[in-house]
Protein backbone atom coordinates (compact mmCIF):
# COMPACT_ATOMS: atom_id res chain seq x y z
CA MET A 1 0.00 0.00 0.00
CA ASN A 2 1.50 3.31 -0.95
CA LYS A 3 1.89 6.16 1.51
CA LYS A 4 -0.83 8.36 -0.02
CA LEU A 5 -3.44 5.60 0.25
CA ARG A 6 -2.51 4.95 3.91
CA VAL A 7 -2.87 8.66 4.74
CA VAL A 8 -6.31 8.78 3.07
CA ALA A 9 -7.43 5.58 4.83
CA GLY A 10 -6.13 6.86 8.19
CA GLY A 11 -7.91 10.20 7.70
CA PHE A 12 -11.13 8.37 6.87
CA VAL A 13 -10.88 6.25 10.02
CA ILE A 14 -10.26 9.36 12.15
CA LEU A 15 -13.21 11.23 10.60
CA LEU A 16 -15.44 8.20 11.08
CA GLY A 17 -14.44 8.02 14.76
CA VAL A 18 -15.08 11.74 15.29
CA TRP A 19 -18.49 11.50 13.59
CA MET A 20 -19.50 8.46 15.67
CA SER A 21 -18.38 10.17 18.89
CA ALA A 22 -20.25 13.36 18.08
CA SER A 23 -23.47 11.57 17.19
CA SER A 24 -23.46 9.34 20.27
CA ILE A 25 -22.36 11.95 22.82
CA GLU A 26 -25.79 13.59 22.65
CA ASP A 27 -27.24 10.55 24.45
CA PHE A 28 -24.86 11.03 27.36
CA LEU A 29 -25.23 14.80 27.63
CA ASP A 30 -29.01 15.04 27.79
CA PRO A 31 -29.63 17.89 30.19
CA ILE A 32 -32.31 17.51 32.82
CA LYS A 33 -35.50 19.29 31.77
CA PHE A 34 -38.49 20.31 33.83
CA VAL A 35 -41.92 18.99 32.94
CA SER A 36 -43.12 22.35 31.61
CA GLU A 37 -40.17 22.53 29.18
CA VAL A 38 -41.04 19.14 27.70
CA VAL A 39 -44.78 19.81 27.57
CA ALA A 40 -44.23 23.22 25.89
CA GLN A 41 -42.20 21.75 23.00
CA PRO A 42 -42.99 18.02 22.75
CA GLU A 43 -41.73 17.76 19.16
CA GLU A 44 -38.19 18.45 20.40
CA TYR A 45 -38.28 15.41 22.70
CA MET A 46 -40.42 13.02 20.66
CA ASN A 47 -38.90 9.53 20.30
CA ARG A 48 -35.57 10.48 21.88
CA ASN A 49 -34.04 10.18 25.32
CA VAL A 50 -34.91 12.91 27.78
CA GLN A 51 -34.40 13.38 31.53
CA VAL A 52 -37.35 15.07 33.23
CA ALA A 53 -37.34 16.35 36.82
CA GLY A 54 -40.52 16.78 38.82
CA LEU A 55 -42.66 15.62 41.70
CA ILE A 56 -45.00 12.64 41.58
CA VAL A 57 -48.57 13.97 41.84
CA LYS A 58 -50.56 12.73 44.82
CA GLU A 59 -53.17 10.04 44.09
CA THR A 60 -51.99 9.33 40.53
CA VAL A 61 -49.71 6.36 41.20
CA GLU A 62 -51.13 3.16 39.73
CA LYS A 63 -49.42 -0.22 39.58
CA GLU A 64 -50.15 -1.93 36.30
CA GLU A 65 -51.25 -5.49 36.86
CA GLU A 66 -50.05 -7.06 33.62
CA GLU A 67 -46.39 -6.17 34.24
CA PRO A 68 -44.73 -6.85 37.61
CA ASN A 69 -42.55 -3.72 37.57
CA SER A 70 -44.83 -1.30 35.75
CA TYR A 71 -46.35 1.91 37.12
CA LEU A 72 -48.36 4.84 35.79
CA PHE A 73 -48.13 8.23 37.48
CA ASP A 74 -48.29 11.95 36.78
CA LEU A 75 -45.18 14.07 37.11
CA THR A 76 -45.42 17.84 37.67
CA ASP A 77 -43.24 20.87 38.16
CA GLY A 78 -46.14 23.04 39.30
CA LYS A 79 -46.65 24.56 35.87
CA SER A 80 -47.37 21.46 33.78
CA THR A 81 -48.04 17.78 34.24
CA ILE A 82 -47.00 14.79 32.15
CA LYS A 83 -48.14 11.15 32.31
CA VAL A 84 -45.29 8.68 32.97
CA ARG A 85 -45.33 4.95 32.29
CA TYR A 86 -42.45 3.18 34.03
CA GLN A 87 -41.66 -0.26 32.63
CA GLY A 88 -38.38 -1.33 34.15
CA SER A 89 -36.66 -4.56 34.97
CA ASP A 90 -36.35 -3.58 38.63
CA PRO A 91 -39.24 -2.86 40.98
CA ILE A 92 -39.41 0.67 42.33
CA GLN A 93 -39.89 0.55 46.07
CA ASN A 94 -40.31 4.29 46.61
CA VAL A 95 -42.97 5.17 44.04
CA LYS A 96 -45.26 7.26 46.17
CA PRO A 97 -46.84 10.69 45.81
CA GLY A 98 -44.76 13.76 46.46
CA VAL A 99 -41.39 12.19 45.79
CA GLY A 100 -39.00 14.31 43.75
CA VAL A 101 -37.65 12.25 40.88
CA THR A 102 -35.79 12.44 37.61
CA VAL A 103 -37.42 10.21 35.01
CA ILE A 104 -35.33 9.03 32.06
CA GLY A 105 -37.20 7.88 29.00
CA THR A 106 -38.64 8.74 25.61
CA LEU A 107 -41.68 10.83 24.83
CA SER A 108 -44.29 8.89 22.87
CA PRO A 109 -46.55 10.47 20.22
CA ASP A 110 -49.47 10.54 22.67
CA GLY A 111 -47.41 12.67 25.11
CA THR A 112 -46.67 9.91 27.63
CA LEU A 113 -43.11 9.63 28.90
CA ILE A 114 -42.13 5.96 28.58
CA SER A 115 -39.41 5.24 31.11
CA ASN A 116 -37.24 2.35 32.19
CA LYS A 117 -35.27 4.36 34.75
CA VAL A 118 -36.34 6.58 37.64
CA LEU A 119 -33.83 8.37 39.86
CA PHE A 120 -35.21 9.20 43.29
CA LYS A 121 -32.69 11.68 44.55
CA CYS A 122 -32.95 14.88 42.56
CA PRO A 123 -29.81 17.00 42.75
CA SER A 124 -30.42 19.71 45.33
CA LYS A 125 -30.44 22.53 42.78
CA TYR A 126 -33.34 20.86 40.94
CA GLN A 127 -35.26 20.11 44.13
CA GLN A 128 -34.81 23.70 45.25
CA LYS A 129 -36.16 24.96 41.92
CA LEU A 130 -39.18 22.65 42.20
CA ASP A 131 -39.88 23.96 45.71
CA GLU A 132 -39.64 27.55 44.46
CA VAL A 133 -42.17 26.80 41.73
CA TYR A 134 -44.71 25.58 44.27
CA TRP A 135 -44.23 28.19 46.93
CA GLU A 136 -43.43 31.37 45.03
CA GLU A 137 -44.62 31.16 41.42
CA ASN A 138 -47.92 29.32 41.72
CA SER A 139 -48.88 29.54 45.41
CA GLN A 140 -49.64 25.81 45.32
CA ALA A 141 -50.19 23.79 48.48
CA TYR A 142 -47.01 21.96 49.42
CA ASP A 143 -46.68 19.31 52.12
CA GLY A 144 -43.10 18.10 52.63
CA GLY A 145 -42.59 17.21 48.98
CA ALA A 146 -46.16 16.14 48.23
CA TYR A 147 -47.88 18.07 45.50
CA LEU A 148 -51.44 18.46 46.72
CA GLY A 149 -52.94 20.07 43.63
CA THR A 150 -54.85 23.30 43.38
């Protein structure tokens, strides 16, 4: 193989690696969004991974009977609410109203967030922002993390 062909082949391999890295890095750098951001522009999040922070709305948690580790619940940030369907391989012990969570999943065409991963400890800066939404912006009732509705 002559030197020119090796340089071209090497350049192609490097460009291919850079392209693959750039296209896959988006999956790892998904910023956490609040429910109202996702609800306001659903087309941006349709059929792609998204991390959504919010509080589980009181009295919306339902365990689906057909799947052992499947739950339906509403997630809110005080401004908007989104329906979440968790279908994971692991049971979620702490799915109860008022818990601050980050849900990782994809937004379906009907607006439901289909998730296989729920993180129960929101970073403090996100939890603080959620609390501010309830207390200051919307004057919503707030009971130790439980969203009580209007």
